Every structure is written in C-alpha cells, then in structure tokens.
Amino acid sequence: MSIDDLVLRLSAVLDPLEAGEAPTPPRRSDFDLNPEMRPARSHELKQAAVLIPIIARETGLTVLLTRRADTLNSHTGQVAFPGGRLDPGEGAVQAALREAGEEVGLDPGRVSLVGLSDRYETGSRFCVTPVVGVIRPPLDLTLNPDEVAEAFETPWDFLMDAANHRRDSMVWNGAERWYWAMPWDDAGTERYIWGATAGMIRSLQQKLATAVGPAT
C-alpha cells in the first residue's frame, strides 16, 4: 500500500485534529481485558498524548517506536511512542509534537498530521490521545538519553496484522492481569511491544479493519 492510499484510509476513520483541543472520555483502556480491575473514577484522569509516527520508506511503511531509558522513575525500558503529559494550556497535537522533539529530536515541521486515534486510559490513570502523523525520509533523530535508550522502526504491515496480536498476562497485586502484546523479531533482537502501546496499536488496527477491511 502506498502512503497516499494509507492516508486516505486513515483520514476516513480518525477523529479530526481539532478534537484534541478538549479532553473527552477514553474509548479504549488497559481495563478492556480486565474489567474487574477498573477502579472507581474518584478523580479526573491526567491528560497525555503520543505521536504515532508512520515513516514512508521506499522499502515499506514503518512505525517509529522508542525504548524508554533505564534511568526513568517509571516504565523503564518499555517500548513506547514518543509522548508524555500535556503542559498547561496545551492540546494533544501540540503536546505530542513537543514531546517527540524533546525525546528523539523530531522536527515537527517534518510531520504531516493525519488525525487522532481513540483516546486510551492507562492503569496509571492517564488518558492518552494518540496523534497519527506521516514522516517522509530522510529521518534525522537526536535521542535524549535521559528519556530514551533507543529508537527503532517496526513494519506497519506487521503491526496491522491481527495475527501478530496476542494476549499475554502477568500477576499484578496478586491477580492475573491480561494485556495485548506484539513481540517482533528485529534482526535477532526481540522487541516486546506490549501494554498501553500495544493497546493503542490494536485500537488503530481495529478501526481500519472494521471500516474498510484489512489494513495491510
């Protein structure tokens, strides 16, 4: 599939960028597979945003992901999209681009924004807005070692193939917790894509598949 064809398909299913200016309730969450663990909403969710960067390489479309630095206070070493908490006065799009610049040195002017995928509630009580954008090479990144250990690209077709999505589990606070995972063999290095990141990928894949058939 060409990047132009993909952008047309994404534009048909994603929310408009303007929707990121005001928070709305999440449609997906870490609790979709664990409804019994959903906490009572005793306070407002913290707002965050991530950038889902689709890279239009001549050899095929890829998605840029990062591995979080081992020195961070939480989620160390986990695979994630560039992103983070909204600063006061920010919308989701502005925050996603700012965070991508801070984490991997991505020039926001290189990103062609497409739309917003479903907001996602994490177990840590964040409401994350995924902002989908396209980048055409060359791609020149400068990683912030305080936040990112490495950046890598995973084939779009792999992530959008539901056969590569599996349900894994772990014991958390004495109970079994289920989550989506998409382990990918990157030339002998296993990239364990899981949790909220995998959940957002799964959500995007389902939006495309439900609307217009398989996304690959």
Protein backbone atom coordinates (compact mmCIF):
# COMPACT_ATOMS: atom_id res chain seq x y z
CA MET A 1 0.00 0.00 0.00
CA SER A 2 1.27 3.46 -0.84
CA ILE A 3 1.47 6.14 1.83
CA ASP A 4 -1.07 8.24 -0.07
CA ASP A 5 -3.58 5.38 -0.06
CA LEU A 6 -2.99 4.81 3.64
CA VAL A 7 -3.52 8.48 4.46
CA LEU A 8 -6.87 8.37 2.67
CA ARG A 9 -7.92 5.32 4.67
CA LEU A 10 -6.74 6.80 7.94
CA SER A 11 -8.48 10.10 7.26
CA ALA A 12 -11.75 8.21 6.90
CA VAL A 13 -11.59 6.63 10.37
CA LEU A 14 -9.58 9.02 12.56
CA ASP A 15 -11.01 11.90 14.56
CA PRO A 16 -10.12 15.39 13.31
CA LEU A 17 -7.11 17.11 14.82
CA GLU A 18 -9.31 19.82 16.34
CA ALA A 19 -10.82 17.19 18.64
CA GLY A 20 -7.53 17.13 20.54
CA GLU A 21 -8.09 20.60 21.95
CA ALA A 22 -10.60 19.45 24.55
CA PRO A 23 -10.41 16.22 26.56
CA THR A 24 -13.13 13.62 26.02
CA PRO A 25 -13.66 10.24 27.72
CA PRO A 26 -11.38 7.41 26.54
CA ARG A 27 -12.83 4.75 24.26
CA ARG A 28 -10.15 2.14 24.95
CA SER A 29 -8.21 1.21 28.06
CA ASP A 30 -5.92 -1.17 29.91
CA PHE A 31 -9.09 -2.45 31.55
CA ASP A 32 -10.74 -3.70 28.36
CA LEU A 33 -9.20 -7.12 29.00
CA ASN A 34 -9.51 -6.76 32.79
CA PRO A 35 -12.89 -5.14 33.52
CA GLU A 36 -12.89 -6.37 37.11
CA MET A 37 -9.76 -4.26 37.78
CA ARG A 38 -11.27 -0.97 36.61
CA PRO A 39 -11.08 1.50 39.51
CA ALA A 40 -13.83 3.86 40.51
CA ARG A 41 -13.28 7.25 38.89
CA SER A 42 -12.54 9.14 42.09
CA HIS A 43 -10.67 11.89 40.28
CA GLU A 44 -10.12 13.24 36.80
CA LEU A 45 -7.71 11.39 34.54
CA LYS A 46 -4.39 13.07 33.78
CA GLN A 47 -4.13 14.11 30.13
CA ALA A 48 -1.28 12.92 27.88
CA ALA A 49 -0.60 12.50 24.18
CA VAL A 50 1.65 10.37 22.00
CA LEU A 51 2.72 10.63 18.39
CA ILE A 52 2.25 7.55 16.19
CA PRO A 53 4.86 8.34 13.52
CA ILE A 54 4.39 6.41 10.27
CA ILE A 55 7.54 6.59 8.15
CA ALA A 56 7.08 6.37 4.40
CA ARG A 57 10.18 4.43 3.41
CA GLU A 58 10.63 3.24 -0.17
CA THR A 59 11.09 -0.29 1.14
CA GLY A 60 7.79 -0.17 3.01
CA LEU A 61 5.93 1.72 5.69
CA THR A 62 7.26 1.57 9.24
CA VAL A 63 6.30 2.94 12.65
CA LEU A 64 8.81 4.71 14.87
CA LEU A 65 8.95 3.43 18.44
CA THR A 66 11.27 4.07 21.35
CA ARG A 67 12.65 2.11 24.27
CA ARG A 68 12.42 4.18 27.41
CA ALA A 69 15.60 4.94 29.34
CA ASP A 70 16.50 2.58 32.18
CA THR A 71 17.03 5.55 34.49
CA LEU A 72 13.42 6.78 34.44
CA ASN A 73 11.29 6.57 37.55
CA SER A 74 8.54 4.53 35.88
CA HIS A 75 8.03 2.20 32.90
CA THR A 76 11.81 1.85 32.50
CA GLY A 77 12.95 0.03 29.39
CA GLN A 78 9.46 -0.34 27.97
CA VAL A 79 8.60 0.20 24.32
CA ALA A 80 6.60 3.38 23.78
CA PHE A 81 5.58 6.02 21.30
CA PRO A 82 7.15 9.45 21.72
CA GLY A 83 4.87 11.37 24.04
CA GLY A 84 4.02 12.47 27.52
CA ARG A 85 1.84 14.60 29.77
CA LEU A 86 0.17 17.76 28.47
CA ASP A 87 1.61 21.00 29.76
CA PRO A 88 -0.85 23.66 30.98
CA GLY A 89 -2.65 25.23 28.05
CA GLU A 90 -1.58 22.55 25.54
CA GLY A 91 -3.76 20.49 23.26
CA ALA A 92 -2.97 16.89 22.38
CA VAL A 93 -1.40 17.66 19.00
CA GLN A 94 0.88 20.34 20.40
CA ALA A 95 1.96 18.08 23.28
CA ALA A 96 2.66 15.06 21.05
CA LEU A 97 4.87 17.11 18.70
CA ARG A 98 6.66 18.82 21.59
CA GLU A 99 7.38 15.53 23.33
CA ALA A 100 8.62 13.94 20.09
CA GLY A 101 11.01 16.85 19.67
CA GLU A 102 12.25 16.58 23.25
CA GLU A 103 12.63 12.79 23.23
CA VAL A 104 14.00 11.97 19.77
CA GLY A 105 14.73 15.37 18.21
CA LEU A 106 11.96 15.06 15.65
CA ASP A 107 11.35 18.33 13.81
CA PRO A 108 7.57 18.98 14.00
CA GLY A 109 7.75 20.55 10.55
CA ARG A 110 8.61 17.12 9.13
CA VAL A 111 5.37 15.57 10.40
CA SER A 112 2.27 15.59 8.19
CA LEU A 113 -0.55 15.20 10.68
CA VAL A 114 -3.47 12.93 9.74
CA GLY A 115 -5.82 12.66 12.73
CA LEU A 116 -6.46 11.28 16.19
CA SER A 117 -6.99 7.66 17.13
CA ASP A 118 -9.13 6.56 20.09
CA ARG A 119 -8.19 8.03 23.45
CA TYR A 120 -6.77 5.38 25.76
CA GLU A 121 -6.96 5.08 29.54
CA THR A 122 -3.90 3.56 31.22
CA GLY A 123 -3.71 1.73 34.52
CA SER A 124 -1.70 4.67 35.86
CA ARG A 125 -4.78 6.91 35.37
CA PHE A 126 -3.71 8.77 32.25
CA CYS A 127 -5.97 9.49 29.30
CA VAL A 128 -3.67 9.31 26.28
CA THR A 129 -4.57 10.83 22.92
CA PRO A 130 -2.74 9.12 20.00
CA VAL A 131 -1.86 11.61 17.26
CA VAL A 132 -1.17 9.94 13.90
CA GLY A 133 1.32 11.56 11.54
CA VAL A 134 3.37 10.70 8.47
CA ILE A 135 7.09 11.36 8.01
CA ARG A 136 8.85 11.17 4.67
CA PRO A 137 12.60 10.37 4.83
CA PRO A 138 15.29 11.35 5.36
CA LEU A 139 14.78 11.00 9.10
CA ASP A 140 17.39 12.65 11.29
CA LEU A 141 16.91 11.96 15.00
CA THR A 142 18.82 13.03 18.10
CA LEU A 143 17.84 10.97 21.14
CA ASN A 144 17.59 12.45 24.62
CA PRO A 145 19.47 9.85 26.74
CA ASP A 146 17.64 10.95 29.87
CA GLU A 147 14.36 9.76 28.36
CA VAL A 148 15.09 7.35 25.50
CA ALA A 149 17.54 4.45 25.35
CA GLU A 150 16.99 3.82 21.64
CA ALA A 151 14.60 4.36 18.75
CA PHE A 152 13.68 1.72 16.19
CA GLU A 153 11.22 1.11 13.37
CA THR A 154 8.71 -1.72 13.14
CA PRO A 155 6.99 -2.61 9.85
CA TRP A 156 3.48 -1.17 9.56
CA ASP A 157 2.22 -4.39 7.97
CA PHE A 158 3.42 -6.40 10.97
CA LEU A 159 1.66 -4.14 13.48
CA MET A 160 -1.56 -4.02 11.45
CA ASP A 161 -1.79 -7.81 11.13
CA ALA A 162 -4.12 -9.06 13.87
CA ALA A 163 -2.42 -12.46 13.68
CA ASN A 164 0.59 -10.83 15.36
CA HIS A 165 -1.51 -9.55 18.29
CA ARG A 166 -1.62 -11.87 21.25
CA ARG A 167 -2.99 -11.75 24.79
CA ASP A 168 -0.29 -12.16 27.41
CA SER A 169 -0.67 -11.96 31.17
CA MET A 170 1.23 -11.18 34.34
CA VAL A 171 0.48 -11.36 38.04
CA TRP A 172 -0.07 -7.86 39.40
CA ASN A 173 -1.06 -7.16 43.01
CA GLY A 174 -1.84 -10.85 43.43
CA ALA A 175 -4.16 -11.09 40.44
CA GLU A 176 -3.67 -12.12 36.83
CA ARG A 177 -3.72 -9.13 34.50
CA TRP A 178 -4.11 -9.52 30.72
CA TYR A 179 -2.70 -7.20 28.08
CA TRP A 180 -2.01 -7.04 24.34
CA ALA A 181 1.49 -7.87 23.13
CA MET A 182 3.17 -7.86 19.71
CA PRO A 183 6.65 -9.37 20.01
CA TRP A 184 8.70 -8.55 16.94
CA ASP A 185 12.00 -10.12 15.94
CA ASP A 186 14.12 -7.17 14.82
CA ALA A 187 17.06 -8.92 13.12
CA GLY A 188 17.61 -11.14 16.15
CA THR A 189 16.61 -8.57 18.77
CA GLU A 190 13.17 -9.17 20.26
CA ARG A 191 11.13 -6.02 20.62
CA TYR A 192 8.42 -6.73 23.17
CA ILE A 193 5.67 -4.27 22.31
CA TRP A 194 3.01 -4.53 24.99
CA GLY A 195 0.66 -2.80 27.39
CA ALA A 196 -0.77 0.60 26.52
CA THR A 197 1.42 0.94 23.42
CA ALA A 198 0.18 -2.37 22.04
CA GLY A 199 -3.35 -1.46 23.07
CA MET A 200 -3.23 1.74 21.04
CA ILE A 201 -1.82 -0.14 18.04
CA ARG A 202 -4.57 -2.72 18.38
CA SER A 203 -7.20 0.02 18.55
CA LEU A 204 -5.89 1.65 15.36
CA GLN A 205 -5.76 -1.69 13.56
CA GLN A 206 -9.36 -2.45 14.51
CA LYS A 207 -10.58 0.97 13.39
CA LEU A 208 -9.05 0.40 9.95
CA ALA A 209 -10.18 -3.21 9.67
CA THR A 210 -13.75 -2.51 10.77
CA ALA A 211 -14.17 0.43 8.43
CA VAL A 212 -12.51 -0.69 5.22
CA GLY A 213 -11.21 -4.24 5.60
CA PRO A 214 -7.64 -5.41 6.31
CA ALA A 215 -5.12 -2.59 6.77
CA THR A 216 -2.20 -4.29 5.03
